[in-house]
Protein backbone atom coordinates (compact mmCIF):
# COMPACT_ATOMS: atom_id res chain seq x y z
CA MET A 1 27.04 26.35 17.63
CA ARG A 2 30.21 28.29 18.11
CA PRO A 3 32.04 28.01 21.48
CA GLY A 4 30.92 30.63 23.96
CA ARG A 5 27.85 31.58 21.96
CA ARG A 6 24.58 31.88 23.85
CA SER A 7 21.36 31.02 22.10
CA PRO A 8 18.39 33.41 22.31
CA PRO A 9 15.47 32.66 24.65
CA ARG A 10 13.94 29.43 23.54
CA GLN A 11 10.60 29.95 21.73
CA SER A 12 10.24 26.64 19.98
CA PRO A 13 8.29 26.60 16.77
CA ALA A 14 7.34 23.03 17.56
CA GLY A 15 4.21 24.03 19.53
CA PRO A 16 2.69 26.01 22.37
CA PRO A 17 4.10 26.29 25.91
CA GLY A 18 4.40 22.83 27.52
CA HIS A 19 5.09 21.19 24.18
CA ASP A 20 7.89 18.62 24.23
CA ARG A 21 9.70 18.46 20.90
CA LEU A 22 10.77 14.84 21.48
CA ALA A 23 7.43 13.62 22.73
CA GLY A 24 5.27 15.38 20.09
CA PRO A 25 2.10 17.49 20.48
CA PRO A 26 0.43 18.09 23.82
CA ALA A 27 -2.03 15.53 25.15
CA ILE A 28 -5.48 15.62 23.63
CA GLY A 29 -7.04 16.30 27.05
CA GLY A 30 -5.57 19.77 27.02
CA SER A 31 -7.22 20.80 23.74
CA PRO A 32 -10.21 23.18 23.55
CA GLY A 33 -12.68 20.40 22.73
CA ARG A 34 -11.79 18.35 25.84
CA ALA A 35 -15.27 17.08 26.62
CA ASP A 36 -15.91 16.04 23.01
CA CYS A 37 -12.55 14.30 22.80
CA LYS A 38 -13.14 12.40 26.02
CA ALA A 39 -16.55 11.28 24.68
CA THR A 40 -14.97 10.15 21.46
CA ILE A 41 -12.20 8.26 23.24
CA ALA A 42 -14.74 6.63 25.56
CA ALA A 43 -16.77 5.42 22.59
CA MET A 44 -13.64 4.06 20.89
CA LEU A 45 -12.57 2.21 24.03
CA SER A 46 -16.07 0.81 24.55
CA ARG A 47 -16.16 -0.53 21.00
CA ARG A 48 -12.72 -2.14 21.33
CA ALA A 49 -13.51 -3.59 24.76
CA SER A 50 -16.47 -5.64 23.58
CA PRO A 51 -15.74 -9.15 22.19
CA ILE A 52 -16.35 -9.79 18.49
CA ALA A 53 -17.27 -12.76 16.29
CA ALA A 54 -17.29 -13.36 12.56
CA ILE A 55 -17.15 -16.03 9.89
CA ALA A 56 -13.47 -16.08 8.90
CA THR A 57 -13.70 -18.09 5.65
CA PRO A 58 -14.79 -16.75 2.24
CA PRO A 59 -18.50 -16.86 1.21
CA GLY A 60 -19.74 -19.94 -0.53
CA ARG A 61 -19.40 -23.67 -0.01
CA GLY A 62 -16.18 -25.25 1.23
CA ALA A 63 -14.79 -28.30 2.90
CA VAL A 64 -14.15 -26.35 6.10
CA GLY A 65 -15.62 -23.16 7.52
CA ILE A 66 -14.35 -21.14 10.47
CA VAL A 67 -16.11 -18.94 12.99
CA ARG A 68 -13.72 -16.77 14.99
CA LEU A 69 -14.21 -14.98 18.30
CA SER A 70 -11.89 -12.54 20.06
CA GLY A 71 -12.15 -10.61 23.33
CA GLN A 72 -11.01 -10.40 26.90
CA GLY A 73 -12.09 -13.12 29.34
CA LEU A 74 -13.79 -15.49 26.84
CA ALA A 75 -13.25 -18.65 28.93
CA PRO A 76 -16.90 -18.77 30.29
CA LEU A 77 -18.30 -18.27 26.82
CA VAL A 78 -15.95 -20.96 25.45
CA GLN A 79 -17.27 -23.26 28.21
CA THR A 80 -20.88 -22.56 27.12
CA LEU A 81 -20.23 -23.16 23.44
CA CYS A 82 -17.87 -26.20 23.64
CA GLY A 83 -18.99 -27.87 26.89
CA ARG A 84 -15.50 -27.28 28.31
CA VAL A 85 -12.51 -25.04 27.79
CA PRO A 86 -10.02 -26.75 25.42
CA GLU A 87 -6.42 -27.02 26.32
CA PRO A 88 -4.62 -23.95 24.91
CA ARG A 89 -3.54 -24.31 21.32
CA ARG A 90 -4.67 -27.94 21.07
CA ALA A 91 -7.63 -28.95 18.89
CA LEU A 92 -10.73 -30.32 20.63
CA TYR A 93 -13.24 -32.38 18.67
CA THR A 94 -16.63 -31.50 20.05
CA SER A 95 -20.33 -31.15 19.33
CA LEU A 96 -21.72 -27.64 18.89
CA HIS A 97 -25.36 -27.19 19.98
CA ASP A 98 -28.04 -24.62 19.53
CA THR A 99 -30.01 -23.08 22.43
CA ALA A 100 -32.50 -25.96 22.50
CA GLY A 101 -29.70 -28.55 22.69
CA GLY A 102 -29.90 -29.68 19.06
CA VAL A 103 -26.66 -30.42 17.29
CA ILE A 104 -25.57 -27.70 14.82
CA ASP A 105 -22.44 -29.64 13.74
CA HIS A 106 -19.45 -31.61 14.97
CA GLY A 107 -16.12 -29.89 14.58
CA LEU A 108 -12.85 -28.68 16.04
CA ALA A 109 -12.40 -25.98 18.68
CA LEU A 110 -9.09 -24.14 19.12
CA TYR A 111 -8.60 -21.86 22.05
CA PHE A 112 -5.76 -19.26 22.25
CA PRO A 113 -5.67 -17.48 25.66
CA ALA A 114 -4.37 -13.90 25.76
CA SER A 115 -1.86 -12.74 24.98
CA HIS A 116 -0.58 -15.69 22.92
CA SER A 117 -2.99 -15.18 20.07
CA TYR A 118 -3.34 -13.30 16.79
CA THR A 119 -5.21 -10.38 18.33
CA GLY A 120 -3.48 -10.43 21.75
CA GLU A 121 -6.86 -11.28 23.31
CA ASP A 122 -8.55 -14.60 24.05
CA VAL A 123 -9.36 -16.13 20.67
CA LEU A 124 -11.68 -19.08 19.90
CA GLU A 125 -11.82 -20.69 16.47
CA LEU A 126 -14.57 -23.13 15.64
CA GLN A 127 -13.85 -25.23 12.52
CA VAL A 128 -16.92 -26.98 11.05
CA HIS A 129 -18.20 -28.07 7.66
CA GLY A 130 -18.13 -25.15 5.22
CA GLY A 131 -21.78 -24.68 4.33
CA PRO A 132 -22.98 -21.05 4.26
CA VAL A 133 -26.22 -21.76 6.16
CA LEU A 134 -24.42 -23.87 8.71
CA LEU A 135 -21.87 -21.10 9.39
CA GLN A 136 -24.60 -18.53 9.78
CA LEU A 137 -26.35 -20.79 12.30
CA LEU A 138 -23.13 -21.21 14.25
CA LEU A 139 -22.40 -17.49 14.21
CA ALA A 140 -25.95 -16.70 15.42
CA ARG A 141 -25.49 -19.25 18.26
CA CYS A 142 -22.17 -17.59 19.32
CA LEU A 143 -23.80 -14.14 19.33
CA GLU A 144 -26.77 -15.41 21.33
CA ALA A 145 -24.56 -17.19 23.88
CA GLY A 146 -22.32 -14.12 24.18
CA ALA A 147 -25.05 -11.51 24.49
CA ASP A 148 -24.43 -11.11 28.23
CA VAL A 149 -20.80 -10.12 27.66
CA GLY A 150 -21.61 -7.85 24.72
CA LEU A 151 -20.39 -10.11 21.93
CA ARG A 152 -21.13 -8.46 18.59
CA PRO A 153 -20.39 -9.03 14.90
CA ALA A 154 -16.89 -7.93 13.86
CA GLU A 155 -16.33 -5.06 11.51
CA PRO A 156 -14.10 -5.44 8.42
CA GLY A 157 -10.46 -5.88 9.52
CA GLU A 158 -11.26 -5.63 13.19
CA PHE A 159 -9.32 -8.74 14.22
CA THR A 160 -6.15 -7.41 12.59
CA GLU A 161 -6.89 -3.91 13.97
CA ARG A 162 -6.92 -5.40 17.46
CA ALA A 163 -3.67 -7.16 16.76
CA PHE A 164 -2.19 -3.76 15.90
CA LEU A 165 -3.73 -1.96 18.92
CA ASN A 166 -2.51 -4.72 21.25
CA GLY A 167 1.04 -4.57 19.94
CA LYS A 168 1.09 -7.85 18.08
CA LEU A 169 1.73 -6.19 14.76
CA ASP A 170 2.77 -2.71 13.73
CA LEU A 171 0.74 -0.90 11.09
CA ALA A 172 2.96 -1.81 8.14
CA GLN A 173 2.77 -5.48 9.15
CA ALA A 174 -1.03 -5.24 9.52
CA GLU A 175 -1.34 -3.82 6.03
CA ALA A 176 0.90 -6.66 4.80
CA VAL A 177 -1.73 -9.13 5.95
CA ALA A 178 -4.20 -7.71 3.48
CA ASP A 179 -1.49 -7.49 0.80
CA LEU A 180 -0.71 -11.13 1.24
CA ILE A 181 -4.35 -12.07 0.81
CA ASP A 182 -4.79 -9.84 -2.24
CA ALA A 183 -1.48 -10.72 -3.91
CA GLY A 184 -1.92 -11.30 -7.66
CA THR A 185 1.49 -12.74 -8.44
CA GLU A 186 3.99 -15.04 -6.69
CA ALA A 187 6.46 -12.13 -6.36
CA ALA A 188 3.80 -9.93 -4.75
CA ALA A 189 2.90 -12.72 -2.30
CA ARG A 190 6.55 -13.25 -1.30
CA SER A 191 7.14 -9.55 -0.81
CA ALA A 192 4.02 -9.25 1.35
CA ALA A 193 5.17 -12.17 3.42
CA ARG A 194 8.51 -10.39 4.02
CA SER A 195 6.69 -7.24 5.09
CA LEU A 196 4.49 -9.29 7.44
CA ASP A 197 7.66 -10.82 8.92
CA GLY A 198 8.89 -7.23 9.61
CA ALA A 199 11.42 -6.63 6.83
CA PHE A 200 10.05 -3.17 6.01
CA SER A 201 9.37 -2.24 9.64
CA ARG A 202 12.90 -3.13 10.77
CA GLN A 203 14.38 -0.67 8.26
CA VAL A 204 11.97 2.07 9.33
CA ASP A 205 12.79 1.37 13.06
CA ALA A 206 16.52 1.55 12.31
CA LEU A 207 16.06 5.05 10.84
CA HIS A 208 13.88 5.95 13.81
CA GLY A 209 16.70 5.07 16.20
CA GLN A 210 19.28 7.06 14.25
CA LEU A 211 16.98 10.07 14.15
CA VAL A 212 16.36 9.89 17.93
CA GLU A 213 20.13 9.93 18.58
CA LEU A 214 20.57 12.93 16.29
CA ARG A 215 17.68 14.78 17.88
CA LEU A 216 19.16 14.24 21.32
CA LEU A 217 22.47 15.77 20.14
CA VAL A 218 20.64 18.82 18.89
CA GLU A 219 18.65 19.11 22.13
CA ALA A 220 21.90 18.86 24.13
CA THR A 221 23.39 21.77 22.13
CA LEU A 222 20.23 23.83 22.70
CA ASP A 223 20.01 23.12 26.43
CA PHE A 224 23.66 23.83 27.27
CA PRO A 225 24.72 26.78 25.12
CA GLU A 226 27.33 27.97 27.64
CA GLU A 227 29.45 24.90 27.23
CA GLU A 228 32.73 25.27 25.39
CA ILE A 229 32.11 22.06 23.48
CA ASP A 230 30.19 22.06 20.23
CA PHE A 231 28.24 18.86 20.59
CA LEU A 232 27.15 18.73 16.96
CA GLN A 233 30.65 19.13 15.51
CA ARG A 234 32.23 16.58 17.83
CA ALA A 235 29.48 14.08 17.20
CA ASP A 236 29.72 14.58 13.41
CA ALA A 237 26.03 15.49 13.24
CA ARG A 238 26.32 16.56 9.62
CA GLY A 239 27.88 13.16 8.64
CA ARG A 240 25.18 11.31 10.61
CA LEU A 241 22.43 13.23 8.93
CA ARG A 242 23.85 12.48 5.49
CA GLU A 243 23.97 8.76 6.36
CA ILE A 244 20.36 8.85 7.51
CA ALA A 245 19.32 10.65 4.30
CA GLN A 246 21.13 8.08 2.15
CA ALA A 247 19.51 5.18 4.06
CA LEU A 248 16.14 6.86 3.57
CA ASP A 249 16.74 7.20 -0.16
CA ALA A 250 17.45 3.50 -0.40
CA LEU A 251 14.37 2.70 1.67
CA LEU A 252 12.21 4.97 -0.54
CA ASP A 253 13.44 3.13 -3.65
CA GLY A 254 12.56 -0.18 -2.09
CA ALA A 255 9.12 1.08 -1.09
CA HIS A 256 8.51 2.24 -4.69
CA GLN A 257 9.35 -1.30 -5.89
CA GLY A 258 6.98 -2.68 -3.29
CA VAL A 259 4.13 -0.44 -4.52
CA LEU A 260 4.70 -1.63 -8.10
CA LEU A 261 4.48 -5.24 -6.92
CA ARG A 262 1.33 -4.59 -4.93
CA ASP A 263 -0.62 -2.32 -7.23
CA GLY A 264 0.83 -3.23 -10.57
CA ILE A 265 1.24 -0.90 -13.56
CA GLN A 266 -1.71 0.60 -15.47
CA VAL A 267 -0.55 0.64 -19.11
CA VAL A 268 -2.58 2.21 -21.91
CA LEU A 269 -2.09 1.42 -25.61
CA ALA A 270 -2.79 4.62 -27.51
CA GLY A 271 -2.60 5.78 -31.09
CA GLN A 272 -4.52 6.24 -34.29
CA PRO A 273 -6.88 3.56 -35.66
CA ASN A 274 -5.21 0.50 -37.14
CA VAL A 275 -1.75 1.16 -35.74
CA GLY A 276 -1.68 -2.29 -34.07
CA LYS A 277 -2.95 -1.69 -30.57
CA SER A 278 -5.27 -4.68 -30.41
CA SER A 279 -2.65 -6.90 -32.06
CA LEU A 280 -0.13 -5.83 -29.34
CA LEU A 281 -2.68 -6.59 -26.57
CA ASN A 282 -3.28 -10.05 -28.03
CA ALA A 283 0.47 -10.67 -28.36
CA LEU A 284 1.23 -9.60 -24.74
CA ALA A 285 -1.68 -11.64 -23.37
CA GLY A 286 -0.97 -14.67 -25.55
CA ALA A 287 -4.71 -14.90 -26.46
CA GLU A 288 -7.14 -13.41 -28.97
CA LEU A 289 -8.80 -10.96 -26.58
CA ALA A 290 -9.46 -8.10 -29.01
CA ILE A 291 -10.93 -8.24 -32.55
CA VAL A 292 -8.40 -7.30 -35.15
CA THR A 293 -9.58 -6.07 -38.60
CA PRO A 294 -8.32 -3.57 -41.19
CA ILE A 295 -11.52 -1.53 -40.65
CA PRO A 296 -10.83 1.74 -38.75
CA GLY A 297 -12.75 2.06 -35.53
CA THR A 298 -13.08 -1.68 -34.85
CA THR A 299 -12.21 -1.16 -31.14
CA ARG A 300 -15.04 0.99 -29.72
CA ASP A 301 -14.35 0.73 -25.97
CA ARG A 302 -11.56 -0.05 -23.60
CA ILE A 303 -10.45 -3.67 -23.36
CA ALA A 304 -8.43 -4.49 -20.26
CA GLN A 305 -6.27 -7.53 -19.48
CA SER A 306 -4.08 -8.31 -16.51
CA LEU A 307 -0.75 -10.15 -16.96
CA GLN A 308 2.69 -9.97 -15.40
CA ILE A 309 6.22 -9.21 -16.37
CA GLU A 310 8.94 -10.50 -14.01
CA GLY A 311 6.30 -10.89 -11.28
CA VAL A 312 5.08 -7.29 -11.64
CA PRO A 313 1.32 -7.12 -12.34
CA LEU A 314 0.57 -5.37 -15.59
CA HIS A 315 -2.95 -4.04 -16.35
CA VAL A 316 -3.00 -3.41 -20.07
CA VAL A 317 -5.79 -1.32 -21.56
CA ASP A 318 -6.49 -1.32 -25.34
CA THR A 319 -8.30 1.85 -26.34
CA ALA A 320 -10.33 3.09 -29.29
CA GLY A 321 -8.21 4.63 -32.02
CA LEU A 322 -7.67 8.36 -31.57
CA ARG A 323 -8.89 10.53 -34.42
CA GLU A 324 -10.64 13.90 -34.78
CA GLN A 325 -13.63 12.75 -36.81
CA ALA A 326 -15.34 9.69 -35.27
CA GLY A 327 -17.39 7.45 -37.48
CA ASP A 328 -20.48 7.54 -35.21
CA GLU A 329 -21.60 8.45 -31.69
CA VAL A 330 -20.47 5.10 -30.28
CA GLU A 331 -16.90 5.62 -31.51
CA ARG A 332 -16.91 9.23 -30.27
CA ILE A 333 -17.72 8.04 -26.76
CA GLY A 334 -15.03 5.39 -27.04
CA ILE A 335 -12.45 7.97 -28.04
CA GLY A 336 -13.45 10.12 -25.04
CA ARG A 337 -12.91 7.11 -22.77
CA SER A 338 -9.54 6.52 -24.38
CA TRP A 339 -8.37 9.97 -23.33
CA GLN A 340 -9.66 9.36 -19.78
CA ALA A 341 -7.66 6.15 -19.66
CA ILE A 342 -4.54 7.90 -20.89
CA ALA A 343 -4.87 10.59 -18.19
CA ALA A 344 -5.08 7.91 -15.45
CA ALA A 345 -2.29 5.63 -16.76
CA ASP A 346 1.03 4.90 -15.13
CA ALA A 347 2.52 4.44 -18.55
CA VAL A 348 1.38 5.16 -22.11
CA LEU A 349 2.56 3.18 -25.12
CA PHE A 350 2.14 5.55 -28.08
CA LEU A 351 1.92 3.27 -31.11
CA HIS A 352 3.00 4.47 -34.59
CA ASP A 353 2.41 2.62 -37.87
CA LEU A 354 5.69 2.38 -39.80
CA THR A 355 3.85 1.56 -43.04
CA ARG A 356 2.13 4.96 -43.02
CA ARG A 357 5.15 7.06 -42.05
CA GLY A 358 5.53 10.12 -44.24
CA GLU A 359 1.84 10.37 -45.24
CA PRO A 360 0.86 14.05 -44.61
CA ALA A 361 -2.56 13.27 -43.09
CA TYR A 362 -1.20 10.57 -40.87
CA GLU A 363 1.69 12.74 -39.64
CA ALA A 364 -0.63 15.65 -38.93
CA ALA A 365 -2.85 13.35 -36.87
CA GLU A 366 0.23 12.09 -35.01
CA ALA A 367 1.21 15.63 -34.07
CA ALA A 368 -2.34 16.42 -32.91
CA ILE A 369 -2.34 13.41 -30.60
CA ALA A 370 1.09 14.21 -29.19
CA ALA A 371 -0.02 17.74 -28.41
CA ARG A 372 -2.98 16.41 -26.32
CA LEU A 373 -0.98 13.91 -24.26
CA PRO A 374 -0.80 14.84 -20.55
CA PRO A 375 2.34 16.77 -19.59
CA GLY A 376 4.83 14.67 -17.71
CA ALA A 377 3.22 11.37 -18.75
CA ARG A 378 5.51 8.34 -18.79
CA LEU A 379 5.56 7.79 -22.54
CA LEU A 380 7.11 5.04 -24.64
CA HIS A 381 7.01 5.36 -28.42
CA VAL A 382 6.44 2.03 -30.13
CA HIS A 383 6.69 1.66 -33.91
CA THR A 384 4.64 -1.22 -35.20
CA LYS A 385 4.62 -3.47 -38.32
CA CYS A 386 8.39 -3.31 -38.69
CA ASP A 387 8.26 -6.61 -40.59
CA LEU A 388 6.41 -4.88 -43.41
CA VAL A 389 9.01 -2.17 -44.02
CA GLN A 390 12.75 -2.07 -44.67
CA ALA A 391 13.74 -1.24 -41.06
CA PRO A 392 15.49 -3.33 -38.43
CA ALA A 393 13.66 -4.48 -35.32
CA GLY A 394 14.67 -3.45 -31.86
CA THR A 395 15.50 -0.12 -30.28
CA ALA A 396 15.48 3.00 -32.46
CA ASP A 397 16.38 6.60 -31.56
CA GLU A 398 12.75 7.45 -31.43
CA GLY A 399 11.52 4.34 -29.56
CA LEU A 400 11.07 0.66 -30.22
CA ARG A 401 10.22 -1.24 -33.39
CA ILE A 402 8.05 -4.32 -33.11
CA ALA A 403 5.89 -6.70 -35.12
CA ALA A 404 3.30 -7.90 -32.62
CA PRO A 405 1.80 -10.92 -34.48
CA SER A 406 5.26 -12.49 -35.00
CA GLY A 407 6.55 -11.46 -31.58
CA ILE A 408 9.45 -9.39 -32.93
CA GLY A 409 10.67 -6.80 -30.42
CA LEU A 410 8.22 -7.82 -27.61
CA ALA A 411 11.02 -8.87 -25.19
CA ALA A 412 12.65 -5.46 -25.58
CA LEU A 413 9.28 -3.78 -25.13
CA ARG A 414 8.66 -5.60 -21.83
CA GLU A 415 12.13 -4.55 -20.53
CA ALA A 416 11.67 -0.97 -21.61
CA LEU A 417 8.21 -0.77 -19.99
CA LEU A 418 9.61 -1.89 -16.58
CA ARG A 419 12.42 0.62 -16.86
CA LEU A 420 9.95 3.35 -17.75
CA VAL A 421 8.07 2.93 -14.42
CA GLY A 422 11.26 2.62 -12.39
CA TRP A 423 11.27 -1.14 -11.73
CA HIS A 424 14.52 -2.92 -10.99
CA PRO A 425 14.49 -6.33 -9.31
CA ALA A 426 15.67 -6.25 -5.69
CA GLY A 427 15.75 -10.04 -5.34
CA ALA A 428 14.98 -11.54 -1.96
CA GLY A 429 14.98 -8.14 -0.28
CA THR A 430 11.81 -6.83 -1.92
CA PHE A 431 8.96 -6.00 0.50
CA SER A 432 5.42 -4.89 -0.11
CA ALA A 433 4.57 -1.25 0.38
CA ARG A 434 1.68 1.15 -0.26
CA THR A 435 1.34 4.59 -1.75
CA ARG A 436 0.84 6.11 1.71
CA HIS A 437 4.26 4.66 2.72
CA VAL A 438 5.94 6.32 -0.20
CA HIS A 439 4.29 9.64 0.65
CA ALA A 440 5.44 9.37 4.28
CA LEU A 441 8.98 8.62 3.18
CA ARG A 442 9.02 11.50 0.77
CA GLY A 443 7.77 13.75 3.53
CA ALA A 444 10.60 12.54 5.80
CA GLN A 445 13.04 12.99 2.95
CA ALA A 446 11.94 16.67 2.46
CA HIS A 447 12.35 17.40 6.16
CA LEU A 448 15.79 15.79 6.26
CA CYS A 449 16.89 17.89 3.28
CA ALA A 450 15.65 21.05 5.12
CA ALA A 451 17.50 19.91 8.26
CA LEU A 452 20.69 19.43 6.28
CA ASP A 453 20.33 22.94 4.82
CA GLN A 454 19.95 24.29 8.34
CA LEU A 455 23.00 22.39 9.58
CA GLN A 456 25.14 23.53 6.67
CA ALA A 457 24.23 27.20 7.19
CA GLY A 458 27.04 29.27 8.64
CA ASP A 459 24.86 30.45 11.48
CA ALA A 460 22.48 27.51 11.90
CA ALA A 461 19.08 28.10 13.54
CA LEU A 462 19.17 25.05 15.80
CA GLU A 463 15.50 25.46 16.82
CA LEU A 464 14.49 25.07 13.21
CA LEU A 465 16.91 22.20 12.80
CA ALA A 466 15.29 20.46 15.78
CA GLU A 467 11.86 21.00 14.29
CA GLU A 468 12.76 19.59 10.89
CA LEU A 469 14.20 16.50 12.55
CA ARG A 470 11.03 16.09 14.66
CA LEU A 471 8.82 16.35 11.56
CA ALA A 472 10.99 13.76 9.75
CA HIS A 473 10.69 11.48 12.77
CA ASP A 474 6.93 11.86 12.86
CA ALA A 475 6.61 11.14 9.14
CA LEU A 476 8.47 7.82 9.63
CA GLY A 477 6.19 7.08 12.59
CA GLU A 478 3.16 7.24 10.35
CA ILE A 479 4.34 4.10 8.50
CA THR A 480 4.45 1.75 11.47
CA GLY A 481 1.67 3.52 13.37
CA ALA A 482 3.72 5.22 16.05
CA PHE A 483 1.89 8.45 15.03
CA THR A 484 -1.52 7.82 13.48
CA THR A 485 -5.18 8.86 13.62
CA GLU A 486 -8.43 7.08 14.05
CA ASP A 487 -9.47 8.15 10.52
CA LEU A 488 -6.37 6.54 9.06
CA LEU A 489 -6.98 3.30 10.90
CA GLY A 490 -10.58 3.24 9.66
CA ALA A 491 -9.49 3.80 6.11
CA ILE A 492 -6.90 1.04 6.30
CA PHE A 493 -8.80 -1.70 8.16
CA GLY A 494 -12.09 -0.86 6.50
CA ARG A 495 -10.77 -2.43 3.30
CA PHE A 496 -10.06 -5.75 4.96
CA CYS A 497 -12.46 -8.67 4.69
CA ILE A 498 -14.74 -9.43 7.63
CA GLY A 499 -13.18 -12.13 9.82
CA LYS A 500 -9.63 -10.87 9.32
């Protein structure tokens, strides 16, 4: 703002009267559906106030099984189940009895009083022999003994949800718990462990702090327009905003790498019959997974195999050969499924047979397939059977040349595939992330770009600048759970296993 300039009456686009741009939207109690909202909140609080119990080990037989309880004021229930309250965080060997006094099993009891526990509430873990029937008996006994205090079976992910709600974990860390359990490679497990330790959250929090400082500068300029000092110029607001945008770009790149480690890459092998798709699948997997014959149409349906390249999970799908005239109805259905797989793929390897290059019918079919490929698809052209023609292996102008059975060109193919999807190893700094995190970061990125445009304008609309910064701030808050909804929590924790 120029010295001496007065801003117009403040009619903030951030919300209705009473709205605080820094604090966010008005309280829910002031909305039109106040009674309904209060009822919903009361139901949520009631559900979260009741203690919960669940079997915390996977189904099936095992050496050890665990039944876990969490809630406020569990000491009397612990006394009933164990005969006495164990010393905090020290294992107690005890007998566990049913209602009639009969022994269910002998095992260990571990008691974690609030708030020094995983959930932030009182937690009791009972470790017994890992028989499915035995664990069900013990769980039933816990629920029966805790009926007076409202003990109920836990819902999927409810223990971790309570850890989030009680401030033991932020939302990104809570999601990392599930990612660590579901990790399919060593690299994915290590990156999830780093996210659980807070590596991702700390970077988001650092951006939060920088945005808050910048928002306060903008608010100061808006609130004191009569001052002769341009707060934004003196504080180098434009330089600060650029630094935040650059840090966000780096964080977005890291989150993309984390998504690849967590979800892997869906790769589809596509091309005409007998171009070497099944041979390539077998070579990548190191096993004879698909039948390979010179008969066109041998592969009738999708064949999938999971493997890894540099720790990145790779889900490779071999498809039926693409051609206009199918041999029979079964092959026609298989070709239809091939196109469905291509449409859903992260990357498509379009295989071309070098031994048939130049044949009019073959080239016409190639052009027809290329015309049907989805626009914008990540596409890598792979020329097969290079050992049968007078052409060198390796990278060509039009793609890669390989000979799958002999392994020629496969190393270059693996490297090119990772580059195609944007993977570049980040070493020990990689953290796990999810698609929703990437969407939130992209949203924040878009609002920061809009804010920079406002700031660079000759006659900046500072109200709009303040709103763009608020929206960027809120988008970052969605990652760690500073701004979230009950529906989002349900979607996230509903995918957890029961007992976690």
